[in-house]
């Protein structure tokens, strides 16, 4: 697996403690075995609304989310053995994860997720724009799969991603193609 650090450039939209980040503030680093708990925490944070609808104890929810997180990683590593599994960091603090598979025919965003307190601040958009630039330079489509009900679909559409197919009853595939509506 390649070890790749990337710089991402962006400014926060909302004023606050971090009104503007330095150029080197957001980085990617390889996901390490020691990051297993953090990765599970990020995964669980993406399923909060779903878990609010089930009548389970906190312990049952935690056990279910841990099992699902582990199954997802196992699936990814089995089906995407050449993928890069990365931690998104703000300075030295882990704030999310990014799983990417680069091939000769496309760049696949397998997973991009941030902890809730870092969402809607432009971080994910900046990372995706960086990947769009990479895909554009390589002349490759940038592909992702997203749940039908996920509100992030609006962001992907604004960035020029187009729905290409329904993968199954839960996910749709969206593709950004270089040279088409590069926003």
N, C-alpha and C. Protein backbone atom coordinates (compact mmCIF):
# COMPACT_ATOMS: atom_id res chain seq x y z
N UNK A 1 0.84 -1.18 0.00
CA UNK A 1 0.00 0.00 0.00
C UNK A 1 0.88 1.24 0.00
N UNK A 2 0.52 2.18 -0.86
CA UNK A 2 1.28 3.43 -0.91
C UNK A 2 0.98 4.26 0.32
N UNK A 3 2.00 4.92 0.80
CA UNK A 3 1.82 5.85 1.89
C UNK A 3 1.78 7.24 1.27
N UNK A 4 0.69 7.94 1.42
CA UNK A 4 0.56 9.23 0.75
C UNK A 4 0.02 10.26 1.73
N UNK A 5 0.70 11.37 1.81
CA UNK A 5 0.22 12.51 2.59
C UNK A 5 -0.18 13.57 1.59
N UNK A 6 -1.27 14.18 1.81
CA UNK A 6 -1.77 15.22 0.92
C UNK A 6 -2.13 16.44 1.71
N UNK A 7 -1.91 17.56 1.11
CA UNK A 7 -2.36 18.81 1.72
C UNK A 7 -3.67 19.21 1.07
N UNK A 8 -4.56 19.72 1.88
CA UNK A 8 -5.84 20.18 1.37
C UNK A 8 -5.99 21.64 1.78
N UNK A 9 -6.46 22.46 0.86
CA UNK A 9 -6.60 23.90 1.11
C UNK A 9 -8.07 24.24 1.28
N UNK A 10 -8.40 24.94 2.34
CA UNK A 10 -9.77 25.39 2.51
C UNK A 10 -9.86 26.39 3.64
N UNK A 11 -10.97 27.08 3.67
CA UNK A 11 -11.28 27.99 4.77
C UNK A 11 -12.61 27.56 5.36
N UNK A 12 -12.75 27.70 6.66
CA UNK A 12 -14.01 27.38 7.32
C UNK A 12 -15.06 28.38 6.90
N UNK A 13 -16.29 27.92 6.75
CA UNK A 13 -17.39 28.82 6.38
C UNK A 13 -17.93 29.54 7.60
N UNK A 14 -17.94 28.90 8.72
CA UNK A 14 -18.51 29.48 9.93
C UNK A 14 -17.41 30.05 10.81
N UNK A 15 -17.61 31.24 11.34
CA UNK A 15 -16.61 31.76 12.27
C UNK A 15 -16.61 30.93 13.55
N UNK A 16 -15.50 30.86 14.16
CA UNK A 16 -15.40 30.07 15.39
C UNK A 16 -13.97 30.02 15.85
N UNK A 17 -13.66 29.01 16.64
CA UNK A 17 -12.31 28.87 17.15
C UNK A 17 -11.29 28.73 16.03
N UNK A 18 -11.69 28.08 14.93
CA UNK A 18 -10.77 27.86 13.81
C UNK A 18 -11.29 28.60 12.59
N UNK A 19 -11.19 29.91 12.59
CA UNK A 19 -11.73 30.71 11.50
C UNK A 19 -11.04 30.40 10.18
N UNK A 20 -9.76 30.13 10.21
CA UNK A 20 -9.03 29.82 8.98
C UNK A 20 -7.94 28.82 9.35
N UNK A 21 -7.78 27.81 8.56
CA UNK A 21 -6.75 26.81 8.82
C UNK A 21 -5.54 27.08 7.95
N UNK A 22 -4.39 26.74 8.48
CA UNK A 22 -3.17 26.84 7.69
C UNK A 22 -3.18 25.79 6.60
N UNK A 23 -2.37 26.00 5.61
CA UNK A 23 -2.31 25.12 4.44
C UNK A 23 -2.01 23.67 4.84
N UNK A 24 -1.25 23.46 5.87
CA UNK A 24 -0.85 22.12 6.27
C UNK A 24 -1.75 21.51 7.35
N UNK A 25 -2.85 22.15 7.67
CA UNK A 25 -3.66 21.70 8.79
C UNK A 25 -4.40 20.40 8.54
N UNK A 26 -4.84 20.15 7.30
CA UNK A 26 -5.54 18.92 6.97
C UNK A 26 -4.59 18.01 6.21
N UNK A 27 -4.40 16.81 6.74
CA UNK A 27 -3.51 15.84 6.09
C UNK A 27 -4.17 14.47 6.11
N UNK A 28 -3.64 13.61 5.28
CA UNK A 28 -4.05 12.21 5.26
C UNK A 28 -2.85 11.38 5.66
N UNK A 29 -3.11 10.33 6.42
CA UNK A 29 -2.06 9.38 6.77
C UNK A 29 -2.64 7.99 6.72
N UNK A 30 -1.80 6.97 6.55
CA UNK A 30 -2.32 5.60 6.49
C UNK A 30 -3.07 5.22 7.77
N UNK A 31 -4.14 4.46 7.59
CA UNK A 31 -4.88 3.89 8.72
C UNK A 31 -4.04 2.76 9.28
N UNK A 32 -3.75 2.82 10.56
CA UNK A 32 -2.91 1.83 11.22
C UNK A 32 -3.76 0.92 12.11
N UNK A 33 -3.24 -0.25 12.47
CA UNK A 33 -3.99 -1.12 13.39
C UNK A 33 -4.40 -0.39 14.68
N UNK A 34 -3.59 0.53 15.13
CA UNK A 34 -3.91 1.29 16.34
C UNK A 34 -5.10 2.22 16.15
N UNK A 35 -5.52 2.44 14.90
CA UNK A 35 -6.65 3.32 14.59
C UNK A 35 -7.99 2.59 14.53
N UNK A 36 -8.01 1.31 14.86
CA UNK A 36 -9.23 0.51 14.74
C UNK A 36 -10.39 1.11 15.53
N UNK A 37 -10.14 1.50 16.75
CA UNK A 37 -11.20 2.07 17.59
C UNK A 37 -11.69 3.39 17.00
N UNK A 38 -10.77 4.23 16.55
CA UNK A 38 -11.15 5.50 15.93
C UNK A 38 -11.99 5.26 14.68
N UNK A 39 -11.55 4.35 13.83
CA UNK A 39 -12.27 4.05 12.60
C UNK A 39 -13.69 3.58 12.91
N UNK A 40 -13.83 2.77 13.94
CA UNK A 40 -15.15 2.30 14.37
C UNK A 40 -15.99 3.48 14.87
N UNK A 41 -15.39 4.40 15.57
CA UNK A 41 -16.09 5.58 16.06
C UNK A 41 -16.62 6.42 14.89
N UNK A 42 -15.79 6.60 13.86
CA UNK A 42 -16.22 7.37 12.68
C UNK A 42 -17.38 6.65 12.01
N UNK A 43 -17.24 5.34 11.83
CA UNK A 43 -18.31 4.55 11.21
C UNK A 43 -19.60 4.70 12.01
N UNK A 44 -19.52 4.52 13.31
CA UNK A 44 -20.72 4.60 14.16
C UNK A 44 -21.37 5.97 14.06
N UNK A 45 -20.57 7.02 13.92
CA UNK A 45 -21.13 8.37 13.84
C UNK A 45 -21.94 8.58 12.57
N UNK A 46 -21.71 7.76 11.55
CA UNK A 46 -22.48 7.89 10.31
C UNK A 46 -23.82 7.16 10.40
N UNK A 47 -24.02 6.40 11.47
CA UNK A 47 -25.25 5.60 11.60
C UNK A 47 -26.11 6.07 12.79
N UNK A 48 -25.82 7.24 13.32
CA UNK A 48 -26.51 7.74 14.50
C UNK A 48 -28.02 7.81 14.31
N UNK A 49 -28.47 8.43 13.22
CA UNK A 49 -29.92 8.57 12.99
C UNK A 49 -30.59 7.21 12.89
N UNK A 50 -29.95 6.31 12.21
CA UNK A 50 -30.48 4.96 12.04
C UNK A 50 -30.62 4.27 13.41
N UNK A 51 -29.63 4.43 14.26
CA UNK A 51 -29.65 3.78 15.57
C UNK A 51 -30.68 4.40 16.50
N UNK A 52 -31.06 5.65 16.26
CA UNK A 52 -32.09 6.29 17.08
C UNK A 52 -33.45 5.64 16.86
N UNK A 53 -33.63 4.98 15.72
CA UNK A 53 -34.93 4.39 15.38
C UNK A 53 -35.11 2.97 15.90
N UNK A 54 -34.06 2.37 16.46
CA UNK A 54 -34.19 1.00 16.95
C UNK A 54 -34.31 0.98 18.47
N UNK A 55 -35.06 0.06 18.96
CA UNK A 55 -35.31 -0.05 20.40
C UNK A 55 -34.31 -1.01 21.03
N UNK A 56 -33.05 -0.62 21.02
CA UNK A 56 -31.98 -1.42 21.59
C UNK A 56 -31.31 -0.66 22.72
N UNK A 57 -30.68 -1.39 23.59
CA UNK A 57 -29.91 -0.75 24.66
C UNK A 57 -28.65 -0.14 24.06
N UNK A 58 -28.04 0.80 24.76
CA UNK A 58 -26.77 1.37 24.26
C UNK A 58 -25.71 0.29 24.02
N UNK A 59 -25.69 -0.73 24.87
CA UNK A 59 -24.72 -1.82 24.71
C UNK A 59 -25.00 -2.61 23.42
N UNK A 60 -26.27 -2.85 23.14
CA UNK A 60 -26.62 -3.58 21.92
C UNK A 60 -26.26 -2.76 20.68
N UNK A 61 -26.52 -1.46 20.73
CA UNK A 61 -26.17 -0.59 19.61
C UNK A 61 -24.67 -0.58 19.39
N UNK A 62 -23.92 -0.45 20.48
CA UNK A 62 -22.46 -0.42 20.37
C UNK A 62 -21.93 -1.73 19.78
N UNK A 63 -22.44 -2.86 20.25
CA UNK A 63 -21.99 -4.16 19.75
C UNK A 63 -22.34 -4.31 18.26
N UNK A 64 -23.54 -3.89 17.88
CA UNK A 64 -23.96 -3.97 16.49
C UNK A 64 -23.06 -3.11 15.60
N UNK A 65 -22.82 -1.87 16.02
CA UNK A 65 -22.00 -0.96 15.21
C UNK A 65 -20.56 -1.44 15.11
N UNK A 66 -20.03 -2.00 16.17
CA UNK A 66 -18.67 -2.55 16.12
C UNK A 66 -18.61 -3.71 15.12
N UNK A 67 -19.60 -4.60 15.20
CA UNK A 67 -19.65 -5.75 14.29
C UNK A 67 -19.76 -5.27 12.84
N UNK A 68 -20.62 -4.30 12.60
CA UNK A 68 -20.80 -3.77 11.24
C UNK A 68 -19.54 -3.08 10.73
N UNK A 69 -18.88 -2.32 11.58
CA UNK A 69 -17.64 -1.64 11.20
C UNK A 69 -16.56 -2.66 10.83
N UNK A 70 -16.42 -3.67 11.66
CA UNK A 70 -15.42 -4.71 11.38
C UNK A 70 -15.75 -5.46 10.09
N UNK A 71 -17.03 -5.75 9.87
CA UNK A 71 -17.44 -6.44 8.64
C UNK A 71 -17.18 -5.58 7.41
N UNK A 72 -17.42 -4.28 7.53
CA UNK A 72 -17.17 -3.37 6.41
C UNK A 72 -15.69 -3.35 6.04
N UNK A 73 -14.84 -3.20 7.04
CA UNK A 73 -13.39 -3.17 6.78
C UNK A 73 -12.93 -4.50 6.17
N UNK A 74 -13.42 -5.60 6.71
CA UNK A 74 -13.05 -6.92 6.17
C UNK A 74 -13.49 -7.03 4.71
N UNK A 75 -14.69 -6.60 4.42
CA UNK A 75 -15.20 -6.61 3.05
C UNK A 75 -14.32 -5.76 2.14
N UNK A 76 -14.05 -4.54 2.56
CA UNK A 76 -13.22 -3.65 1.75
C UNK A 76 -11.84 -4.26 1.48
N UNK A 77 -11.21 -4.76 2.52
CA UNK A 77 -9.86 -5.33 2.35
C UNK A 77 -9.88 -6.57 1.45
N UNK A 78 -10.97 -7.30 1.48
CA UNK A 78 -11.09 -8.50 0.65
C UNK A 78 -11.33 -8.14 -0.82
N UNK A 79 -12.25 -7.20 -1.06
CA UNK A 79 -12.62 -6.85 -2.43
C UNK A 79 -11.77 -5.74 -3.04
N UNK A 80 -11.09 -4.98 -2.22
CA UNK A 80 -10.24 -3.88 -2.70
C UNK A 80 -8.86 -3.97 -2.06
N UNK A 81 -8.10 -5.02 -2.36
CA UNK A 81 -6.82 -5.25 -1.68
C UNK A 81 -5.76 -4.18 -1.97
N UNK A 82 -5.91 -3.45 -3.05
CA UNK A 82 -4.91 -2.42 -3.40
C UNK A 82 -5.34 -1.03 -2.97
N UNK A 83 -6.44 -0.93 -2.28
CA UNK A 83 -6.96 0.37 -1.85
C UNK A 83 -6.07 1.00 -0.79
N UNK A 84 -6.22 2.31 -0.66
CA UNK A 84 -5.53 3.07 0.39
C UNK A 84 -6.56 3.39 1.47
N UNK A 85 -6.23 3.06 2.69
CA UNK A 85 -7.08 3.29 3.84
C UNK A 85 -6.40 4.39 4.66
N UNK A 86 -7.03 5.55 4.74
CA UNK A 86 -6.37 6.70 5.34
C UNK A 86 -7.20 7.35 6.43
N UNK A 87 -6.49 8.02 7.34
CA UNK A 87 -7.10 8.81 8.39
C UNK A 87 -6.97 10.27 7.98
N UNK A 88 -8.06 11.01 8.06
CA UNK A 88 -8.05 12.45 7.82
C UNK A 88 -7.72 13.11 9.14
N UNK A 89 -6.74 14.00 9.13
CA UNK A 89 -6.32 14.65 10.37
C UNK A 89 -6.40 16.17 10.24
N UNK A 90 -6.78 16.81 11.32
CA UNK A 90 -6.71 18.26 11.47
C UNK A 90 -5.54 18.49 12.41
N UNK A 91 -4.48 19.02 11.85
CA UNK A 91 -3.20 19.07 12.53
C UNK A 91 -2.85 17.64 12.93
N UNK A 92 -2.75 17.30 14.18
CA UNK A 92 -2.42 15.92 14.56
C UNK A 92 -3.61 15.17 15.12
N UNK A 93 -4.80 15.72 14.98
CA UNK A 93 -6.00 15.12 15.55
C UNK A 93 -6.78 14.37 14.47
N UNK A 94 -7.01 13.08 14.63
CA UNK A 94 -7.83 12.34 13.67
C UNK A 94 -9.27 12.84 13.69
N UNK A 95 -9.82 13.14 12.49
CA UNK A 95 -11.18 13.67 12.42
C UNK A 95 -12.06 12.89 11.43
N UNK A 96 -11.47 11.94 10.70
CA UNK A 96 -12.26 11.20 9.74
C UNK A 96 -11.44 10.13 9.05
N UNK A 97 -12.06 9.53 8.04
CA UNK A 97 -11.36 8.49 7.29
C UNK A 97 -11.70 8.61 5.81
N UNK A 98 -10.77 8.15 4.99
CA UNK A 98 -10.91 8.19 3.54
C UNK A 98 -10.33 6.90 2.98
N UNK A 99 -11.17 6.14 2.29
CA UNK A 99 -10.72 4.89 1.68
C UNK A 99 -10.87 5.06 0.16
N UNK A 100 -9.76 4.85 -0.55
CA UNK A 100 -9.70 5.10 -2.00
C UNK A 100 -9.07 3.91 -2.71
N UNK A 101 -9.64 3.58 -3.86
CA UNK A 101 -8.98 2.61 -4.72
C UNK A 101 -8.68 3.29 -6.05
N UNK A 102 -7.40 3.31 -6.39
CA UNK A 102 -6.97 3.87 -7.68
C UNK A 102 -6.68 2.71 -8.62
N UNK A 103 -7.26 2.78 -9.82
CA UNK A 103 -7.01 1.75 -10.82
C UNK A 103 -6.68 2.43 -12.14
N UNK A 104 -6.45 1.63 -13.16
CA UNK A 104 -6.15 2.19 -14.47
C UNK A 104 -7.38 2.81 -15.12
N UNK A 105 -8.56 2.47 -14.62
CA UNK A 105 -9.79 2.95 -15.26
C UNK A 105 -10.58 3.98 -14.46
N UNK A 106 -10.28 4.12 -13.16
CA UNK A 106 -11.03 5.08 -12.33
C UNK A 106 -10.34 5.28 -10.98
N UNK A 107 -10.84 6.28 -10.28
CA UNK A 107 -10.51 6.47 -8.87
C UNK A 107 -11.83 6.29 -8.13
N UNK A 108 -11.87 5.33 -7.23
CA UNK A 108 -13.08 5.00 -6.48
C UNK A 108 -12.96 5.51 -5.05
N UNK A 109 -13.89 6.38 -4.66
CA UNK A 109 -13.99 6.79 -3.26
C UNK A 109 -14.87 5.73 -2.60
N UNK A 110 -14.24 4.82 -1.89
CA UNK A 110 -14.98 3.75 -1.23
C UNK A 110 -15.71 4.27 0.01
N UNK A 111 -15.05 5.19 0.72
CA UNK A 111 -15.63 5.72 1.95
C UNK A 111 -14.96 7.05 2.27
N UNK A 112 -15.75 8.04 2.57
CA UNK A 112 -15.25 9.29 3.12
C UNK A 112 -16.22 9.68 4.23
N UNK A 113 -15.71 9.86 5.43
CA UNK A 113 -16.56 10.19 6.58
C UNK A 113 -15.77 11.01 7.58
N UNK A 114 -16.44 11.99 8.13
CA UNK A 114 -15.86 12.85 9.16
C UNK A 114 -16.68 12.72 10.44
N UNK A 115 -16.04 12.92 11.56
CA UNK A 115 -16.78 12.98 12.82
C UNK A 115 -17.77 14.15 12.74
N UNK A 116 -18.91 14.05 13.41
CA UNK A 116 -19.97 15.06 13.27
C UNK A 116 -19.52 16.50 13.49
N UNK A 117 -18.66 16.73 14.43
CA UNK A 117 -18.26 18.11 14.73
C UNK A 117 -17.40 18.74 13.63
N UNK A 118 -16.97 17.95 12.64
CA UNK A 118 -16.15 18.46 11.54
C UNK A 118 -16.91 18.47 10.21
N UNK A 119 -18.17 18.09 10.24
CA UNK A 119 -18.97 18.06 9.02
C UNK A 119 -19.51 19.46 8.71
N UNK A 120 -19.85 19.67 7.47
CA UNK A 120 -20.44 20.93 7.00
C UNK A 120 -19.53 22.12 7.21
N UNK A 121 -18.23 21.88 7.14
CA UNK A 121 -17.26 22.95 7.29
C UNK A 121 -16.36 23.08 6.07
N UNK A 122 -16.64 22.31 5.03
CA UNK A 122 -15.85 22.40 3.81
C UNK A 122 -14.70 21.42 3.72
N UNK A 123 -14.47 20.63 4.74
CA UNK A 123 -13.34 19.70 4.75
C UNK A 123 -13.56 18.60 3.71
N UNK A 124 -14.71 17.95 3.76
CA UNK A 124 -14.99 16.88 2.81
C UNK A 124 -15.00 17.41 1.38
N UNK A 125 -15.59 18.58 1.18
CA UNK A 125 -15.62 19.19 -0.15
C UNK A 125 -14.21 19.42 -0.66
N UNK A 126 -13.34 19.93 0.19
CA UNK A 126 -11.96 20.18 -0.22
C UNK A 126 -11.25 18.89 -0.59
N UNK A 127 -11.47 17.84 0.17
CA UNK A 127 -10.83 16.55 -0.13
C UNK A 127 -11.35 16.02 -1.46
N UNK A 128 -12.66 16.10 -1.66
CA UNK A 128 -13.23 15.62 -2.92
C UNK A 128 -12.72 16.45 -4.09
N UNK A 129 -12.64 17.77 -3.93
CA UNK A 129 -12.11 18.61 -5.01
C UNK A 129 -10.65 18.24 -5.32
N UNK A 130 -9.89 17.92 -4.29
CA UNK A 130 -8.51 17.49 -4.51
C UNK A 130 -8.48 16.20 -5.33
N UNK A 131 -9.38 15.28 -5.00
CA UNK A 131 -9.47 14.03 -5.76
C UNK A 131 -9.97 14.28 -7.18
N UNK A 132 -10.84 15.26 -7.36
CA UNK A 132 -11.30 15.63 -8.69
C UNK A 132 -10.13 16.16 -9.51
N UNK A 133 -9.29 16.96 -8.90
CA UNK A 133 -8.10 17.47 -9.60
C UNK A 133 -7.20 16.33 -10.01
N UNK A 134 -6.97 15.40 -9.10
CA UNK A 134 -6.15 14.23 -9.41
C UNK A 134 -6.75 13.43 -10.56
N UNK A 135 -8.06 13.19 -10.49
CA UNK A 135 -8.73 12.43 -11.55
C UNK A 135 -8.67 13.18 -12.87
N UNK A 136 -8.84 14.49 -12.81
CA UNK A 136 -8.76 15.29 -14.03
C UNK A 136 -7.40 15.22 -14.69
N UNK A 137 -6.35 15.32 -13.88
CA UNK A 137 -4.99 15.23 -14.42
C UNK A 137 -4.71 13.86 -15.02
N UNK A 138 -5.30 12.83 -14.43
CA UNK A 138 -5.09 11.47 -14.92
C UNK A 138 -6.07 11.09 -16.04
N UNK A 139 -7.07 11.95 -16.26
CA UNK A 139 -8.08 11.64 -17.27
C UNK A 139 -8.97 10.47 -16.89
N UNK A 140 -9.22 10.34 -15.58
CA UNK A 140 -10.01 9.21 -15.08
C UNK A 140 -11.30 9.70 -14.42
N UNK A 141 -12.35 8.91 -14.48
CA UNK A 141 -13.56 9.26 -13.74
C UNK A 141 -13.34 9.05 -12.24
N UNK A 142 -14.01 9.86 -11.44
CA UNK A 142 -14.01 9.72 -10.00
C UNK A 142 -15.37 9.12 -9.63
N UNK A 143 -15.35 7.96 -8.99
CA UNK A 143 -16.56 7.18 -8.74
C UNK A 143 -16.80 7.07 -7.24
N UNK A 144 -18.07 7.11 -6.85
CA UNK A 144 -18.42 6.87 -5.45
C UNK A 144 -19.78 6.20 -5.40
N UNK A 145 -20.06 5.61 -4.27
CA UNK A 145 -21.36 4.98 -4.04
C UNK A 145 -21.94 5.55 -2.76
N UNK A 146 -23.20 5.89 -2.81
CA UNK A 146 -23.82 6.59 -1.68
C UNK A 146 -25.24 6.07 -1.49
N UNK A 147 -25.67 6.03 -0.23
CA UNK A 147 -27.03 5.59 0.07
C UNK A 147 -28.05 6.57 -0.52
N UNK A 148 -29.15 6.04 -1.00
CA UNK A 148 -30.18 6.85 -1.64
C UNK A 148 -30.66 7.99 -0.75
N UNK A 149 -30.75 7.75 0.55
CA UNK A 149 -31.32 8.73 1.48
C UNK A 149 -30.29 9.68 2.08
N UNK A 150 -29.02 9.52 1.73
CA UNK A 150 -27.97 10.35 2.33
C UNK A 150 -28.02 11.77 1.76
N UNK A 151 -28.15 12.78 2.64
CA UNK A 151 -28.24 14.17 2.14
C UNK A 151 -26.97 14.65 1.41
N UNK A 152 -25.86 13.97 1.57
CA UNK A 152 -24.62 14.38 0.90
C UNK A 152 -24.75 14.27 -0.63
N UNK A 153 -25.78 13.59 -1.11
CA UNK A 153 -26.01 13.49 -2.55
C UNK A 153 -26.10 14.88 -3.16
N UNK A 154 -26.71 15.82 -2.45
CA UNK A 154 -26.82 17.20 -2.97
C UNK A 154 -25.45 17.81 -3.20
N UNK A 155 -24.52 17.58 -2.27
CA UNK A 155 -23.16 18.08 -2.45
C UNK A 155 -22.52 17.45 -3.68
N UNK A 156 -22.62 16.14 -3.78
CA UNK A 156 -22.01 15.46 -4.93
C UNK A 156 -22.58 15.99 -6.24
N UNK A 157 -23.88 16.23 -6.29
CA UNK A 157 -24.50 16.76 -7.51
C UNK A 157 -23.97 18.17 -7.80
N UNK A 158 -23.84 19.01 -6.78
CA UNK A 158 -23.29 20.37 -6.98
C UNK A 158 -21.87 20.31 -7.51
N UNK A 159 -21.12 19.28 -7.10
CA UNK A 159 -19.73 19.15 -7.56
C UNK A 159 -19.64 18.54 -8.97
N UNK A 160 -20.76 18.15 -9.52
CA UNK A 160 -20.77 17.63 -10.89
C UNK A 160 -20.86 16.12 -11.00
N UNK A 161 -21.08 15.42 -9.89
CA UNK A 161 -21.27 13.97 -9.94
C UNK A 161 -22.67 13.69 -10.49
N UNK A 162 -22.78 12.64 -11.29
CA UNK A 162 -24.03 12.25 -11.90
C UNK A 162 -24.33 10.80 -11.52
N UNK A 163 -25.60 10.54 -11.19
CA UNK A 163 -26.01 9.17 -10.88
C UNK A 163 -25.90 8.34 -12.15
N UNK A 164 -25.19 7.22 -12.06
CA UNK A 164 -25.01 6.36 -13.23
C UNK A 164 -25.78 5.05 -13.12
N UNK A 165 -26.02 4.59 -11.89
CA UNK A 165 -26.77 3.34 -11.74
C UNK A 165 -27.12 3.12 -10.28
N UNK A 166 -28.06 2.21 -10.07
CA UNK A 166 -28.38 1.74 -8.73
C UNK A 166 -27.56 0.49 -8.51
N UNK A 167 -26.71 0.49 -7.48
CA UNK A 167 -25.84 -0.64 -7.21
C UNK A 167 -26.64 -1.79 -6.61
N UNK A 168 -27.54 -1.46 -5.69
CA UNK A 168 -28.43 -2.43 -5.05
C UNK A 168 -29.61 -1.67 -4.48
N UNK A 169 -30.32 -2.23 -3.54
CA UNK A 169 -31.49 -1.55 -3.01
C UNK A 169 -31.16 -0.42 -2.03
N UNK A 170 -29.88 -0.23 -1.72
CA UNK A 170 -29.47 0.78 -0.76
C UNK A 170 -28.59 1.86 -1.39
N UNK A 171 -27.72 1.48 -2.32
CA UNK A 171 -26.71 2.40 -2.85
C UNK A 171 -26.92 2.74 -4.32
N UNK A 172 -26.55 3.97 -4.64
CA UNK A 172 -26.46 4.38 -6.03
C UNK A 172 -25.02 4.77 -6.32
N UNK A 173 -24.62 4.61 -7.56
CA UNK A 173 -23.28 5.01 -7.98
C UNK A 173 -23.37 6.39 -8.61
N UNK A 174 -22.40 7.23 -8.28
CA UNK A 174 -22.31 8.56 -8.89
C UNK A 174 -20.90 8.70 -9.44
N UNK A 175 -20.79 9.38 -10.57
CA UNK A 175 -19.50 9.51 -11.25
C UNK A 175 -19.28 10.96 -11.65
N UNK A 176 -18.08 11.43 -11.42
CA UNK A 176 -17.63 12.72 -11.93
C UNK A 176 -16.63 12.41 -13.05
N UNK A 177 -16.89 13.01 -14.20
CA UNK A 177 -16.03 12.76 -15.36
C UNK A 177 -15.27 14.03 -15.71
N UNK A 178 -13.95 13.95 -15.83
CA UNK A 178 -13.17 15.14 -16.18
C UNK A 178 -13.66 15.76 -17.48
N UNK A 179 -13.67 17.08 -17.49
CA UNK A 179 -14.10 17.80 -18.69
C UNK A 179 -15.59 18.06 -18.74
N UNK A 180 -16.34 17.49 -17.82
CA UNK A 180 -17.79 17.71 -17.76
C UNK A 180 -18.14 18.44 -16.47
N UNK A 181 -18.65 19.65 -16.58
CA UNK A 181 -19.13 20.42 -15.44
C UNK A 181 -18.14 20.42 -14.27
N UNK A 182 -16.93 20.82 -14.53
CA UNK A 182 -15.93 20.87 -13.45
C UNK A 182 -16.14 22.12 -12.63
N UNK A 183 -16.84 21.96 -11.50
CA UNK A 183 -17.14 23.09 -10.63
C UNK A 183 -16.11 23.25 -9.57
